[in-house]
Amino acid sequence: MTPADLLLMDQMPFFFWVKSSDGVYIWANKALHDMAGEAVVGKTDHQLPWAENADKLVEHDNKVLKEGAMATMTEFVKQTPRGPLRLHVCKFPLEYGGEVCTAGVSFTINDAD
């Protein structure tokens, strides 16, 4: 991606990320870092505020990698600086740095109940 592409993705209100095949965030935009309240790159979902929901998030990642196809779903994260969130998520396999990774984009549907 060019610097202009990265700047554009950082200014969008959507969450964009790339995770390695072992679930480590290798790239994320500013919105995702802000939602976490901390840097996410170099960490897994189990190391972030939404660790309580990590198993389900990882299950969805693994399904996308196994099937090699895009999938959409609703995911919940209970612990964020904004409180619990319900997200509409699109995940897809992406070759990044010579590895097949899980990439995604999501946005808040509404605050989770």
N, C-alpha and C. Protein backbone atom coordinates (compact mmCIF):
# COMPACT_ATOMS: atom_id res chain seq x y z
N MET A 1 0.84 -1.18 0.00
CA MET A 1 0.00 0.00 0.00
C MET A 1 0.88 1.24 0.00
N THR A 2 0.40 2.26 -0.64
CA THR A 2 1.13 3.51 -0.67
C THR A 2 0.85 4.29 0.62
N PRO A 3 1.69 5.26 0.94
CA PRO A 3 1.40 6.11 2.11
C PRO A 3 0.04 6.79 2.02
N ALA A 4 -0.37 7.16 0.81
CA ALA A 4 -1.69 7.79 0.63
C ALA A 4 -2.81 6.80 0.96
N ASP A 5 -2.64 5.54 0.57
CA ASP A 5 -3.63 4.51 0.89
C ASP A 5 -3.76 4.35 2.40
N LEU A 6 -2.61 4.28 3.07
CA LEU A 6 -2.63 4.10 4.52
C LEU A 6 -3.26 5.30 5.21
N LEU A 7 -2.96 6.49 4.75
CA LEU A 7 -3.56 7.70 5.33
C LEU A 7 -5.07 7.67 5.16
N LEU A 8 -5.54 7.28 3.99
CA LEU A 8 -6.98 7.19 3.75
C LEU A 8 -7.62 6.18 4.70
N MET A 9 -7.02 5.01 4.85
CA MET A 9 -7.59 3.98 5.72
C MET A 9 -7.57 4.42 7.18
N ASP A 10 -6.59 5.19 7.59
CA ASP A 10 -6.54 5.68 8.96
C ASP A 10 -7.61 6.73 9.24
N GLN A 11 -8.07 7.43 8.21
CA GLN A 11 -9.08 8.47 8.41
C GLN A 11 -10.50 7.94 8.35
N MET A 12 -10.69 6.72 7.88
CA MET A 12 -12.03 6.15 7.77
C MET A 12 -12.52 5.68 9.13
N PRO A 13 -13.83 5.73 9.37
CA PRO A 13 -14.36 5.31 10.66
C PRO A 13 -14.56 3.80 10.79
N PHE A 14 -14.09 3.04 9.81
CA PHE A 14 -14.20 1.59 9.83
C PHE A 14 -12.93 0.99 10.41
N PHE A 15 -13.03 -0.24 10.87
CA PHE A 15 -11.87 -0.95 11.40
C PHE A 15 -11.30 -1.82 10.28
N PHE A 16 -10.01 -1.66 9.98
CA PHE A 16 -9.30 -2.47 8.99
C PHE A 16 -8.14 -3.15 9.69
N TRP A 17 -7.86 -4.42 9.34
CA TRP A 17 -6.73 -5.12 9.95
C TRP A 17 -6.29 -6.28 9.09
N VAL A 18 -5.07 -6.74 9.38
CA VAL A 18 -4.50 -7.96 8.80
C VAL A 18 -3.89 -8.73 9.96
N LYS A 19 -4.24 -10.03 10.04
CA LYS A 19 -3.68 -10.91 11.07
C LYS A 19 -2.93 -12.04 10.38
N SER A 20 -1.80 -12.42 10.97
CA SER A 20 -1.05 -13.56 10.45
C SER A 20 -1.87 -14.83 10.63
N SER A 21 -1.42 -15.92 10.01
CA SER A 21 -2.16 -17.19 10.12
C SER A 21 -2.20 -17.71 11.56
N ASP A 22 -1.31 -17.22 12.42
CA ASP A 22 -1.38 -17.63 13.82
C ASP A 22 -2.06 -16.57 14.69
N GLY A 23 -2.78 -15.63 14.05
CA GLY A 23 -3.65 -14.71 14.78
C GLY A 23 -3.02 -13.46 15.34
N VAL A 24 -1.80 -13.14 14.93
CA VAL A 24 -1.14 -11.93 15.42
C VAL A 24 -1.46 -10.77 14.47
N TYR A 25 -1.90 -9.65 15.03
CA TYR A 25 -2.15 -8.47 14.21
C TYR A 25 -0.84 -7.98 13.63
N ILE A 26 -0.77 -7.91 12.29
CA ILE A 26 0.44 -7.41 11.66
C ILE A 26 0.22 -6.03 11.03
N TRP A 27 -1.02 -5.62 10.94
CA TRP A 27 -1.35 -4.27 10.49
C TRP A 27 -2.76 -3.95 10.98
N ALA A 28 -2.97 -2.71 11.38
CA ALA A 28 -4.31 -2.25 11.78
C ALA A 28 -4.37 -0.74 11.60
N ASN A 29 -5.56 -0.26 11.27
CA ASN A 29 -5.69 1.19 11.11
C ASN A 29 -5.95 1.86 12.46
N LYS A 30 -5.91 3.18 12.44
CA LYS A 30 -6.05 3.99 13.66
C LYS A 30 -7.37 3.70 14.38
N ALA A 31 -8.45 3.53 13.64
CA ALA A 31 -9.75 3.28 14.27
C ALA A 31 -9.72 2.02 15.14
N LEU A 32 -9.04 0.98 14.68
CA LEU A 32 -8.97 -0.25 15.48
C LEU A 32 -8.10 -0.04 16.72
N HIS A 33 -6.98 0.65 16.56
CA HIS A 33 -6.15 0.96 17.73
C HIS A 33 -6.95 1.78 18.74
N ASP A 34 -7.72 2.76 18.26
CA ASP A 34 -8.54 3.58 19.14
C ASP A 34 -9.61 2.75 19.84
N MET A 35 -10.25 1.83 19.10
CA MET A 35 -11.29 0.99 19.69
C MET A 35 -10.70 0.12 20.80
N ALA A 36 -9.46 -0.35 20.61
CA ALA A 36 -8.80 -1.18 21.61
C ALA A 36 -8.30 -0.35 22.80
N GLY A 37 -8.04 0.92 22.54
CA GLY A 37 -7.47 1.76 23.58
C GLY A 37 -5.99 1.52 23.78
N GLU A 38 -5.39 0.81 22.82
CA GLU A 38 -3.96 0.49 22.88
C GLU A 38 -3.51 0.02 21.50
N ALA A 39 -2.21 -0.13 21.32
CA ALA A 39 -1.68 -0.66 20.07
C ALA A 39 -2.04 -2.14 19.95
N VAL A 40 -2.50 -2.56 18.79
CA VAL A 40 -2.87 -3.96 18.59
C VAL A 40 -1.82 -4.75 17.82
N VAL A 41 -0.99 -4.08 17.01
CA VAL A 41 0.00 -4.77 16.20
C VAL A 41 0.97 -5.53 17.11
N GLY A 42 1.21 -6.79 16.75
CA GLY A 42 2.08 -7.65 17.55
C GLY A 42 1.35 -8.43 18.62
N LYS A 43 0.04 -8.24 18.73
CA LYS A 43 -0.76 -8.93 19.75
C LYS A 43 -1.81 -9.81 19.08
N THR A 44 -2.34 -10.72 19.87
CA THR A 44 -3.48 -11.55 19.43
C THR A 44 -4.73 -11.04 20.12
N ASP A 45 -5.88 -11.53 19.67
CA ASP A 45 -7.14 -11.14 20.32
C ASP A 45 -7.15 -11.52 21.80
N HIS A 46 -6.46 -12.60 22.15
CA HIS A 46 -6.41 -13.03 23.55
C HIS A 46 -5.62 -12.07 24.43
N GLN A 47 -4.85 -11.17 23.83
CA GLN A 47 -4.04 -10.21 24.58
C GLN A 47 -4.64 -8.81 24.60
N LEU A 48 -5.82 -8.65 24.04
CA LEU A 48 -6.45 -7.35 23.91
C LEU A 48 -7.68 -7.25 24.82
N PRO A 49 -8.24 -6.06 24.98
CA PRO A 49 -9.35 -5.89 25.92
C PRO A 49 -10.52 -6.84 25.69
N TRP A 50 -10.70 -7.31 24.46
CA TRP A 50 -11.82 -8.21 24.15
C TRP A 50 -11.43 -9.69 24.26
N ALA A 51 -10.45 -10.00 25.08
CA ALA A 51 -9.98 -11.39 25.25
C ALA A 51 -11.12 -12.35 25.57
N GLU A 52 -12.13 -11.88 26.28
CA GLU A 52 -13.28 -12.72 26.63
C GLU A 52 -13.98 -13.26 25.38
N ASN A 53 -13.91 -12.52 24.29
CA ASN A 53 -14.56 -12.92 23.04
C ASN A 53 -13.59 -13.50 22.02
N ALA A 54 -12.32 -13.63 22.39
CA ALA A 54 -11.27 -14.01 21.44
C ALA A 54 -11.49 -15.36 20.79
N ASP A 55 -11.95 -16.35 21.52
CA ASP A 55 -12.12 -17.68 20.92
C ASP A 55 -13.05 -17.64 19.72
N LYS A 56 -14.14 -16.91 19.81
CA LYS A 56 -15.09 -16.82 18.69
C LYS A 56 -14.48 -16.05 17.52
N LEU A 57 -13.74 -14.98 17.81
CA LEU A 57 -13.10 -14.21 16.74
C LEU A 57 -12.09 -15.08 15.99
N VAL A 58 -11.30 -15.83 16.73
CA VAL A 58 -10.30 -16.72 16.14
C VAL A 58 -10.98 -17.83 15.34
N GLU A 59 -12.09 -18.34 15.85
CA GLU A 59 -12.84 -19.37 15.11
C GLU A 59 -13.25 -18.84 13.73
N HIS A 60 -13.73 -17.61 13.67
CA HIS A 60 -14.11 -17.01 12.39
C HIS A 60 -12.90 -16.83 11.48
N ASP A 61 -11.78 -16.37 12.06
CA ASP A 61 -10.54 -16.22 11.26
C ASP A 61 -10.14 -17.56 10.65
N ASN A 62 -10.14 -18.60 11.46
CA ASN A 62 -9.70 -19.92 11.00
C ASN A 62 -10.62 -20.47 9.92
N LYS A 63 -11.91 -20.20 10.03
CA LYS A 63 -12.85 -20.66 9.01
C LYS A 63 -12.54 -20.01 7.66
N VAL A 64 -12.25 -18.71 7.68
CA VAL A 64 -11.91 -17.99 6.45
C VAL A 64 -10.63 -18.57 5.84
N LEU A 65 -9.63 -18.81 6.67
CA LEU A 65 -8.37 -19.38 6.15
C LEU A 65 -8.58 -20.78 5.61
N LYS A 66 -9.34 -21.59 6.32
CA LYS A 66 -9.56 -22.98 5.89
C LYS A 66 -10.34 -23.04 4.58
N GLU A 67 -11.39 -22.23 4.48
CA GLU A 67 -12.23 -22.26 3.28
C GLU A 67 -11.65 -21.44 2.13
N GLY A 68 -10.72 -20.53 2.45
CA GLY A 68 -10.12 -19.71 1.41
C GLY A 68 -11.08 -18.77 0.74
N ALA A 69 -12.11 -18.34 1.48
CA ALA A 69 -13.14 -17.49 0.89
C ALA A 69 -13.60 -16.44 1.89
N MET A 70 -14.12 -15.35 1.36
CA MET A 70 -14.65 -14.27 2.17
C MET A 70 -15.86 -14.76 2.95
N ALA A 71 -16.04 -14.20 4.14
CA ALA A 71 -17.22 -14.48 4.95
C ALA A 71 -17.63 -13.22 5.67
N THR A 72 -18.93 -13.05 5.86
CA THR A 72 -19.44 -11.94 6.66
C THR A 72 -20.13 -12.51 7.88
N MET A 73 -20.09 -11.75 8.96
CA MET A 73 -20.68 -12.22 10.20
C MET A 73 -20.89 -11.04 11.14
N THR A 74 -21.61 -11.30 12.21
CA THR A 74 -21.73 -10.35 13.31
C THR A 74 -20.84 -10.85 14.42
N GLU A 75 -20.02 -9.96 14.97
CA GLU A 75 -19.17 -10.32 16.10
C GLU A 75 -19.43 -9.36 17.25
N PHE A 76 -19.19 -9.84 18.45
CA PHE A 76 -19.38 -9.03 19.65
C PHE A 76 -18.06 -8.90 20.38
N VAL A 77 -17.78 -7.71 20.86
CA VAL A 77 -16.65 -7.48 21.74
C VAL A 77 -17.18 -6.77 22.97
N LYS A 78 -17.00 -7.40 24.12
CA LYS A 78 -17.58 -6.87 25.35
C LYS A 78 -16.74 -5.79 26.00
N GLN A 79 -15.44 -5.90 25.87
CA GLN A 79 -14.55 -4.96 26.57
C GLN A 79 -13.82 -4.07 25.59
N THR A 80 -14.22 -2.81 25.50
CA THR A 80 -13.51 -1.79 24.75
C THR A 80 -13.64 -0.49 25.53
N PRO A 81 -12.81 0.50 25.25
CA PRO A 81 -12.99 1.79 25.91
C PRO A 81 -14.36 2.40 25.66
N ARG A 82 -15.01 1.99 24.56
CA ARG A 82 -16.36 2.48 24.24
C ARG A 82 -17.45 1.60 24.85
N GLY A 83 -17.06 0.57 25.54
CA GLY A 83 -18.02 -0.38 26.09
C GLY A 83 -18.25 -1.51 25.11
N PRO A 84 -19.26 -2.36 25.36
CA PRO A 84 -19.52 -3.49 24.47
C PRO A 84 -20.00 -3.02 23.10
N LEU A 85 -19.54 -3.72 22.05
CA LEU A 85 -19.90 -3.36 20.69
C LEU A 85 -20.36 -4.57 19.90
N ARG A 86 -21.30 -4.36 19.02
CA ARG A 86 -21.74 -5.35 18.04
C ARG A 86 -21.20 -4.86 16.70
N LEU A 87 -20.50 -5.73 15.99
CA LEU A 87 -19.83 -5.34 14.75
C LEU A 87 -20.30 -6.18 13.57
N HIS A 88 -20.47 -5.53 12.43
CA HIS A 88 -20.67 -6.26 11.17
C HIS A 88 -19.28 -6.40 10.56
N VAL A 89 -18.89 -7.63 10.26
CA VAL A 89 -17.51 -7.93 9.88
C VAL A 89 -17.47 -8.66 8.53
N CYS A 90 -16.51 -8.27 7.71
CA CYS A 90 -16.19 -9.00 6.49
C CYS A 90 -14.74 -9.43 6.62
N LYS A 91 -14.49 -10.73 6.62
CA LYS A 91 -13.13 -11.28 6.69
C LYS A 91 -12.83 -12.01 5.40
N PHE A 92 -11.57 -11.98 5.01
CA PHE A 92 -11.18 -12.63 3.76
C PHE A 92 -9.70 -13.00 3.81
N PRO A 93 -9.32 -14.05 3.08
CA PRO A 93 -7.90 -14.40 3.01
C PRO A 93 -7.18 -13.38 2.13
N LEU A 94 -5.95 -13.06 2.51
CA LEU A 94 -5.16 -12.07 1.79
C LEU A 94 -3.70 -12.47 1.86
N GLU A 95 -3.03 -12.45 0.71
CA GLU A 95 -1.59 -12.69 0.73
C GLU A 95 -0.91 -11.40 1.14
N TYR A 96 -0.15 -11.48 2.21
CA TYR A 96 0.51 -10.29 2.78
C TYR A 96 1.89 -10.72 3.25
N GLY A 97 2.91 -10.13 2.68
CA GLY A 97 4.27 -10.48 3.08
C GLY A 97 4.63 -11.92 2.80
N GLY A 98 4.05 -12.49 1.73
CA GLY A 98 4.36 -13.86 1.35
C GLY A 98 3.60 -14.92 2.15
N GLU A 99 2.67 -14.50 2.98
CA GLU A 99 1.89 -15.42 3.82
C GLU A 99 0.41 -15.19 3.57
N VAL A 100 -0.39 -16.25 3.63
CA VAL A 100 -1.83 -16.09 3.56
C VAL A 100 -2.31 -15.72 4.95
N CYS A 101 -2.92 -14.56 5.03
CA CYS A 101 -3.37 -13.98 6.29
C CYS A 101 -4.88 -13.81 6.27
N THR A 102 -5.41 -13.42 7.41
CA THR A 102 -6.82 -13.04 7.49
C THR A 102 -6.86 -11.52 7.52
N ALA A 103 -7.60 -10.93 6.58
CA ALA A 103 -7.81 -9.50 6.57
C ALA A 103 -9.26 -9.24 6.88
N GLY A 104 -9.54 -8.05 7.36
CA GLY A 104 -10.92 -7.75 7.67
C GLY A 104 -11.22 -6.28 7.67
N VAL A 105 -12.50 -6.01 7.55
CA VAL A 105 -13.05 -4.68 7.70
C VAL A 105 -14.35 -4.84 8.47
N SER A 106 -14.58 -3.93 9.39
CA SER A 106 -15.83 -4.01 10.15
C SER A 106 -16.26 -2.62 10.57
N PHE A 107 -17.51 -2.54 10.98
CA PHE A 107 -18.04 -1.29 11.50
C PHE A 107 -19.04 -1.62 12.60
N THR A 108 -19.26 -0.65 13.46
CA THR A 108 -20.17 -0.84 14.58
C THR A 108 -21.60 -0.80 14.07
N ILE A 109 -22.37 -1.84 14.40
CA ILE A 109 -23.79 -1.84 14.09
C ILE A 109 -24.49 -0.94 15.11
N ASN A 110 -24.23 -1.22 16.38
CA ASN A 110 -24.68 -0.38 17.48
C ASN A 110 -24.00 -0.88 18.74
N ASP A 111 -24.15 -0.15 19.81
CA ASP A 111 -23.57 -0.63 21.07
C ASP A 111 -24.30 -1.90 21.45
N ALA A 112 -23.54 -2.91 21.84
CA ALA A 112 -24.13 -4.19 22.23
C ALA A 112 -24.91 -4.01 23.52
N ASP A 113 -25.93 -4.82 23.66
CA ASP A 113 -26.75 -4.79 24.89
C ASP A 113 -26.10 -5.58 25.98
